[in-house]
Amino acid sequence: MAGDKPRYLQDHRDIIWSLIPLVLFIVIIAGIARSCSFSPDGPTAGPVPQFDIEAALTFDAAELDFPIRNPAVPENWQPNSGSRGTAPGDDGGDVSTVGYITDAGRYLQLSQSSATEETLVPWVAGGPRASTGADLYEGNSWVQYDEEGSEPIWVTDLGDVRVLVTGSGSTEEFTTLATAIGQAEPIE
């Protein structure tokens, strides 16, 4: 035993023999609690949360003082989240946000607000961003804020409401959502 030997005669084998019972104890406790799993191929995606986007946007349309749109996105996109917030400042305002998981498994966030673009973009981005260009989709000019290492942001002004799209989606998915927004009528 390590305790019977003088300290200068102890080596790494003694440490290993001391740790084996501790590791076995941890494995047994984890097995009983079923809090661990072994996945040699890496993590697996869990189920996408269900979210009633129609009910959420209809409620926001009734409560907020600007028009809310529910875009017709592809059927295989799953709504998974929603929230409301308030962009700060004199040019701020309420923000209605919903999220989608695309068929490729990427997330897109759609925010609609009475806040100005200059207030809304830094509020969503977590800091200032510089515009990198604009493109026209369904007759609406979408200002783009692309920054290396950050998710892109696209914003359009529809008069009474600014619409912002961000997330990890591809340019094609951003275009699909921007086009759907341009075709959507405000919820009555």
C-alpha atoms as a PDB file:
ATOM      1  CA  MET A   1       0.000   0.000   0.000  1.00  0.00           C
ATOM      2  CA  ALA A   2       1.077   3.518  -0.681  1.00  0.00           C
ATOM      3  CA  GLY A   3       0.558   4.460   2.934  1.00  0.00           C
ATOM      4  CA  ASP A   4       3.034   1.811   4.051  1.00  0.00           C
ATOM      5  CA  LYS A   5       5.810   3.070   1.792  1.00  0.00           C
ATOM      6  CA  PRO A   6       7.976   6.085   2.447  1.00  0.00           C
ATOM      7  CA  ARG A   7       6.866   9.005   0.288  1.00  0.00           C
ATOM      8  CA  TYR A   8       9.975   8.930  -1.913  1.00  0.00           C
ATOM      9  CA  LEU A   9       9.126   5.342  -2.977  1.00  0.00           C
ATOM     10  CA  GLN A  10       5.580   6.196  -4.153  1.00  0.00           C
ATOM     11  CA  ASP A  11       5.058   6.538  -7.920  1.00  0.00           C
ATOM     12  CA  HIS A  12       2.362   6.941 -10.599  1.00  0.00           C
ATOM     13  CA  ARG A  13       1.086   3.363 -10.119  1.00  0.00           C
ATOM     14  CA  ASP A  14       0.076   4.207  -6.569  1.00  0.00           C
ATOM     15  CA  ILE A  15      -1.903   7.228  -7.817  1.00  0.00           C
ATOM     16  CA  ILE A  16      -3.649   5.106 -10.472  1.00  0.00           C
ATOM     17  CA  TRP A  17      -4.622   2.446  -7.922  1.00  0.00           C
ATOM     18  CA  SER A  18      -5.969   5.200  -5.679  1.00  0.00           C
ATOM     19  CA  LEU A  19      -8.084   6.737  -8.478  1.00  0.00           C
ATOM     20  CA  ILE A  20      -9.652   3.488  -9.773  1.00  0.00           C
ATOM     21  CA  PRO A  21     -12.203   3.172  -6.913  1.00  0.00           C
ATOM     22  CA  LEU A  22     -13.121   6.867  -7.284  1.00  0.00           C
ATOM     23  CA  VAL A  23     -13.715   6.545 -11.048  1.00  0.00           C
ATOM     24  CA  LEU A  24     -15.803   3.376 -10.549  1.00  0.00           C
ATOM     25  CA  PHE A  25     -17.901   5.178  -7.941  1.00  0.00           C
ATOM     26  CA  ILE A  26     -18.539   8.102 -10.359  1.00  0.00           C
ATOM     27  CA  VAL A  27     -19.518   5.731 -13.189  1.00  0.00           C
ATOM     28  CA  ILE A  28     -21.955   3.868 -10.932  1.00  0.00           C
ATOM     29  CA  ILE A  29     -23.589   7.106  -9.706  1.00  0.00           C
ATOM     30  CA  ALA A  30     -23.864   8.469 -13.289  1.00  0.00           C
ATOM     31  CA  GLY A  31     -25.403   5.169 -14.414  1.00  0.00           C
ATOM     32  CA  ILE A  32     -27.959   5.231 -11.622  1.00  0.00           C
ATOM     33  CA  ALA A  33     -28.874   8.854 -12.345  1.00  0.00           C
ATOM     34  CA  ARG A  34     -28.904   8.196 -16.123  1.00  0.00           C
ATOM     35  CA  SER A  35     -27.455  11.649 -16.642  1.00  0.00           C
ATOM     36  CA  CYS A  36     -24.716  10.541 -19.007  1.00  0.00           C
ATOM     37  CA  SER A  37     -24.736   8.865 -22.363  1.00  0.00           C
ATOM     38  CA  PHE A  38     -22.070   7.578 -24.689  1.00  0.00           C
ATOM     39  CA  SER A  39     -22.182   8.793 -28.279  1.00  0.00           C
ATOM     40  CA  PRO A  40     -19.009   8.016 -30.244  1.00  0.00           C
ATOM     41  CA  ASP A  41     -20.287   9.953 -33.286  1.00  0.00           C
ATOM     42  CA  GLY A  42     -20.736  13.169 -31.295  1.00  0.00           C
ATOM     43  CA  PRO A  43     -23.865  14.907 -30.013  1.00  0.00           C
ATOM     44  CA  THR A  44     -27.232  14.250 -31.600  1.00  0.00           C
ATOM     45  CA  ALA A  45     -29.848  16.913 -32.213  1.00  0.00           C
ATOM     46  CA  GLY A  46     -32.881  16.773 -29.969  1.00  0.00           C
ATOM     47  CA  PRO A  47     -36.444  17.445 -31.044  1.00  0.00           C
ATOM     48  CA  VAL A  48     -37.358  20.951 -32.188  1.00  0.00           C
ATOM     49  CA  PRO A  49     -39.641  22.658 -29.637  1.00  0.00           C
ATOM     50  CA  GLN A  50     -43.191  23.199 -30.854  1.00  0.00           C
ATOM     51  CA  PHE A  51     -44.380  26.802 -31.029  1.00  0.00           C
ATOM     52  CA  ASP A  52     -47.750  28.156 -32.199  1.00  0.00           C
ATOM     53  CA  ILE A  53     -46.469  31.004 -34.335  1.00  0.00           C
ATOM     54  CA  GLU A  54     -49.906  31.923 -35.678  1.00  0.00           C
ATOM     55  CA  ALA A  55     -51.349  32.411 -32.177  1.00  0.00           C
ATOM     56  CA  ALA A  56     -48.295  34.392 -31.020  1.00  0.00           C
ATOM     57  CA  LEU A  57     -48.264  36.760 -33.992  1.00  0.00           C
ATOM     58  CA  THR A  58     -52.064  37.201 -33.874  1.00  0.00           C
ATOM     59  CA  PHE A  59     -51.788  38.136 -30.194  1.00  0.00           C
ATOM     60  CA  ASP A  60     -48.940  40.568 -30.914  1.00  0.00           C
ATOM     61  CA  ALA A  61     -50.952  42.117 -33.774  1.00  0.00           C
ATOM     62  CA  ALA A  62     -53.826  42.790 -31.365  1.00  0.00           C
ATOM     63  CA  GLU A  63     -51.581  44.167 -28.600  1.00  0.00           C
ATOM     64  CA  LEU A  64     -48.946  46.194 -30.444  1.00  0.00           C
ATOM     65  CA  ASP A  65     -49.460  49.502 -32.241  1.00  0.00           C
ATOM     66  CA  PHE A  66     -47.777  48.539 -35.520  1.00  0.00           C
ATOM     67  CA  PRO A  67     -48.686  46.011 -38.227  1.00  0.00           C
ATOM     68  CA  ILE A  68     -47.496  42.431 -37.727  1.00  0.00           C
ATOM     69  CA  ARG A  69     -47.045  39.999 -40.611  1.00  0.00           C
ATOM     70  CA  ASN A  70     -47.051  36.197 -40.572  1.00  0.00           C
ATOM     71  CA  PRO A  71     -44.992  35.187 -43.619  1.00  0.00           C
ATOM     72  CA  ALA A  72     -45.813  31.973 -45.484  1.00  0.00           C
ATOM     73  CA  VAL A  73     -42.533  30.105 -45.063  1.00  0.00           C
ATOM     74  CA  PRO A  74     -41.830  26.658 -46.560  1.00  0.00           C
ATOM     75  CA  GLU A  75     -43.818  23.841 -44.917  1.00  0.00           C
ATOM     76  CA  ASN A  76     -40.684  22.060 -43.722  1.00  0.00           C
ATOM     77  CA  TRP A  77     -39.560  25.078 -41.675  1.00  0.00           C
ATOM     78  CA  GLN A  78     -40.557  24.621 -38.042  1.00  0.00           C
ATOM     79  CA  PRO A  79     -41.474  27.564 -35.815  1.00  0.00           C
ATOM     80  CA  ASN A  80     -39.671  26.970 -32.533  1.00  0.00           C
ATOM     81  CA  SER A  81     -39.679  30.156 -30.457  1.00  0.00           C
ATOM     82  CA  GLY A  82     -41.132  33.572 -29.847  1.00  0.00           C
ATOM     83  CA  SER A  83     -40.703  36.538 -27.546  1.00  0.00           C
ATOM     84  CA  ARG A  84     -41.452  40.209 -27.076  1.00  0.00           C
ATOM     85  CA  GLY A  85     -39.073  42.895 -25.971  1.00  0.00           C
ATOM     86  CA  THR A  86     -38.501  46.609 -26.054  1.00  0.00           C
ATOM     87  CA  ALA A  87     -35.651  48.282 -27.907  1.00  0.00           C
ATOM     88  CA  PRO A  88     -34.391  51.148 -25.702  1.00  0.00           C
ATOM     89  CA  GLY A  89     -34.150  54.839 -26.405  1.00  0.00           C
ATOM     90  CA  ASP A  90     -36.255  57.613 -27.904  1.00  0.00           C
ATOM     91  CA  ASP A  91     -36.290  55.798 -31.249  1.00  0.00           C
ATOM     92  CA  GLY A  92     -36.953  52.421 -29.617  1.00  0.00           C
ATOM     93  CA  GLY A  93     -40.160  50.504 -29.312  1.00  0.00           C
ATOM     94  CA  ASP A  94     -41.791  47.119 -28.888  1.00  0.00           C
ATOM     95  CA  VAL A  95     -40.258  44.178 -30.744  1.00  0.00           C
ATOM     96  CA  SER A  96     -42.128  41.000 -31.709  1.00  0.00           C
ATOM     97  CA  THR A  97     -39.749  38.108 -32.419  1.00  0.00           C
ATOM     98  CA  VAL A  98     -40.309  34.580 -33.704  1.00  0.00           C
ATOM     99  CA  GLY A  99     -37.836  31.910 -34.757  1.00  0.00           C
ATOM    100  CA  TYR A 100     -37.748  29.106 -37.296  1.00  0.00           C
ATOM    101  CA  ILE A 101     -35.632  26.003 -37.822  1.00  0.00           C
ATOM    102  CA  THR A 102     -35.165  25.543 -41.569  1.00  0.00           C
ATOM    103  CA  ASP A 103     -35.196  22.187 -43.342  1.00  0.00           C
ATOM    104  CA  ALA A 104     -31.374  22.296 -43.265  1.00  0.00           C
ATOM    105  CA  GLY A 105     -31.469  22.617 -39.437  1.00  0.00           C
ATOM    106  CA  ARG A 106     -30.429  26.289 -39.326  1.00  0.00           C
ATOM    107  CA  TYR A 107     -32.091  28.967 -37.201  1.00  0.00           C
ATOM    108  CA  LEU A 108     -33.667  32.167 -38.549  1.00  0.00           C
ATOM    109  CA  GLN A 109     -35.038  34.923 -36.327  1.00  0.00           C
ATOM    110  CA  LEU A 110     -37.725  37.319 -37.550  1.00  0.00           C
ATOM    111  CA  SER A 111     -38.216  40.530 -35.552  1.00  0.00           C
ATOM    112  CA  GLN A 112     -40.860  43.190 -36.270  1.00  0.00           C
ATOM    113  CA  SER A 113     -40.740  46.540 -34.495  1.00  0.00           C
ATOM    114  CA  SER A 114     -41.758  50.171 -34.451  1.00  0.00           C
ATOM    115  CA  ALA A 115     -38.154  51.025 -33.470  1.00  0.00           C
ATOM    116  CA  THR A 116     -35.940  52.713 -36.023  1.00  0.00           C
ATOM    117  CA  GLU A 117     -33.372  50.680 -37.930  1.00  0.00           C
ATOM    118  CA  GLU A 118     -30.584  52.608 -36.162  1.00  0.00           C
ATOM    119  CA  THR A 119     -31.942  51.446 -32.784  1.00  0.00           C
ATOM    120  CA  LEU A 120     -33.143  47.955 -33.720  1.00  0.00           C
ATOM    121  CA  VAL A 121     -29.948  46.643 -35.358  1.00  0.00           C
ATOM    122  CA  PRO A 122     -27.560  47.291 -32.430  1.00  0.00           C
ATOM    123  CA  TRP A 123     -30.199  46.060 -29.965  1.00  0.00           C
ATOM    124  CA  VAL A 124     -30.473  42.704 -31.770  1.00  0.00           C
ATOM    125  CA  ALA A 125     -26.752  42.498 -32.667  1.00  0.00           C
ATOM    126  CA  GLY A 126     -25.571  43.414 -29.177  1.00  0.00           C
ATOM    127  CA  GLY A 127     -23.542  46.322 -30.506  1.00  0.00           C
ATOM    128  CA  PRO A 128     -23.149  48.685 -33.453  1.00  0.00           C
ATOM    129  CA  ARG A 129     -22.950  47.337 -36.990  1.00  0.00           C
ATOM    130  CA  ALA A 130     -22.142  48.999 -40.303  1.00  0.00           C
ATOM    131  CA  SER A 131     -24.298  48.444 -43.362  1.00  0.00           C
ATOM    132  CA  THR A 132     -22.592  46.405 -46.089  1.00  0.00           C
ATOM    133  CA  GLY A 133     -25.127  46.839 -48.886  1.00  0.00           C
ATOM    134  CA  ALA A 134     -28.756  46.382 -49.873  1.00  0.00           C
ATOM    135  CA  ASP A 135     -30.780  44.121 -52.154  1.00  0.00           C
ATOM    136  CA  LEU A 136     -34.330  44.310 -53.469  1.00  0.00           C
ATOM    137  CA  TYR A 137     -36.781  41.458 -52.672  1.00  0.00           C
ATOM    138  CA  GLU A 138     -40.512  41.694 -53.481  1.00  0.00           C
ATOM    139  CA  GLY A 139     -40.142  45.441 -53.990  1.00  0.00           C
ATOM    140  CA  ASN A 140     -38.563  46.033 -50.575  1.00  0.00           C
ATOM    141  CA  SER A 141     -35.004  47.211 -50.065  1.00  0.00           C
ATOM    142  CA  TRP A 142     -33.277  44.958 -47.505  1.00  0.00           C
ATOM    143  CA  VAL A 143     -30.251  46.631 -45.907  1.00  0.00           C
ATOM    144  CA  GLN A 144     -27.620  44.051 -45.009  1.00  0.00           C
ATOM    145  CA  TYR A 145     -25.258  44.090 -42.053  1.00  0.00           C
ATOM    146  CA  ASP A 146     -22.615  41.410 -42.575  1.00  0.00           C
ATOM    147  CA  GLU A 147     -19.750  41.255 -40.119  1.00  0.00           C
ATOM    148  CA  GLU A 148     -17.009  38.630 -40.050  1.00  0.00           C
ATOM    149  CA  GLY A 149     -17.620  36.146 -37.241  1.00  0.00           C
ATOM    150  CA  SER A 150     -21.212  37.263 -36.632  1.00  0.00           C
ATOM    151  CA  GLU A 151     -24.592  36.251 -37.975  1.00  0.00           C
ATOM    152  CA  PRO A 152     -25.811  38.447 -40.826  1.00  0.00           C
ATOM    153  CA  ILE A 153     -28.662  40.879 -40.259  1.00  0.00           C
ATOM    154  CA  TRP A 154     -31.096  42.053 -42.927  1.00  0.00           C
ATOM    155  CA  VAL A 155     -33.516  44.934 -42.278  1.00  0.00           C
ATOM    156  CA  THR A 156     -36.294  46.511 -44.309  1.00  0.00           C
ATOM    157  CA  ASP A 157     -38.586  49.444 -43.587  1.00  0.00           C
ATOM    158  CA  LEU A 158     -42.254  48.797 -44.422  1.00  0.00           C
ATOM    159  CA  GLY A 159     -43.489  52.219 -43.305  1.00  0.00           C
ATOM    160  CA  ASP A 160     -45.040  51.674 -39.883  1.00  0.00           C
ATOM    161  CA  VAL A 161     -42.776  48.720 -39.054  1.00  0.00           C
ATOM    162  CA  ARG A 162     -39.156  47.683 -39.434  1.00  0.00           C
ATOM    163  CA  VAL A 163     -38.577  43.981 -40.140  1.00  0.00           C
ATOM    164  CA  LEU A 164     -35.257  42.366 -39.198  1.00  0.00           C
ATOM    165  CA  VAL A 165     -34.024  38.886 -40.118  1.00  0.00           C
ATOM    166  CA  THR A 166     -30.946  37.294 -38.557  1.00  0.00           C
ATOM    167  CA  GLY A 167     -29.624  33.850 -37.755  1.00  0.00           C
ATOM    168  CA  SER A 168     -27.399  31.091 -39.044  1.00  0.00           C
ATOM    169  CA  GLY A 169     -29.379  30.543 -42.247  1.00  0.00           C
ATOM    170  CA  SER A 170     -27.920  30.541 -45.739  1.00  0.00           C
ATOM    171  CA  THR A 171     -28.326  33.453 -48.143  1.00  0.00           C
ATOM    172  CA  GLU A 172     -31.003  31.422 -49.945  1.00  0.00           C
ATOM    173  CA  GLU A 173     -32.950  30.963 -46.677  1.00  0.00           C
ATOM    174  CA  PHE A 174     -32.660  34.681 -45.876  1.00  0.00           C
ATOM    175  CA  THR A 175     -33.946  35.428 -49.381  1.00  0.00           C
ATOM    176  CA  THR A 176     -36.866  33.011 -48.926  1.00  0.00           C
ATOM    177  CA  LEU A 177     -37.904  34.722 -45.674  1.00  0.00           C
ATOM    178  CA  ALA A 178     -37.411  38.236 -47.100  1.00  0.00           C
ATOM    179  CA  THR A 179     -39.567  37.317 -50.099  1.00  0.00           C
ATOM    180  CA  ALA A 180     -42.263  35.801 -47.856  1.00  0.00           C
ATOM    181  CA  ILE A 181     -42.329  38.992 -45.743  1.00  0.00           C
ATOM    182  CA  GLY A 182     -42.817  41.072 -48.894  1.00  0.00           C
ATOM    183  CA  GLN A 183     -45.789  38.915 -49.919  1.00  0.00           C
ATOM    184  CA  ALA A 184     -47.444  38.812 -46.468  1.00  0.00           C
ATOM    185  CA  GLU A 185     -50.296  41.129 -45.557  1.00  0.00           C
ATOM    186  CA  PRO A 186     -50.562  42.588 -42.040  1.00  0.00           C
ATOM    187  CA  ILE A 187     -52.655  40.518 -39.629  1.00  0.00           C
ATOM    188  CA  GLU A 188     -56.050  42.154 -39.010  1.00  0.00           C
END
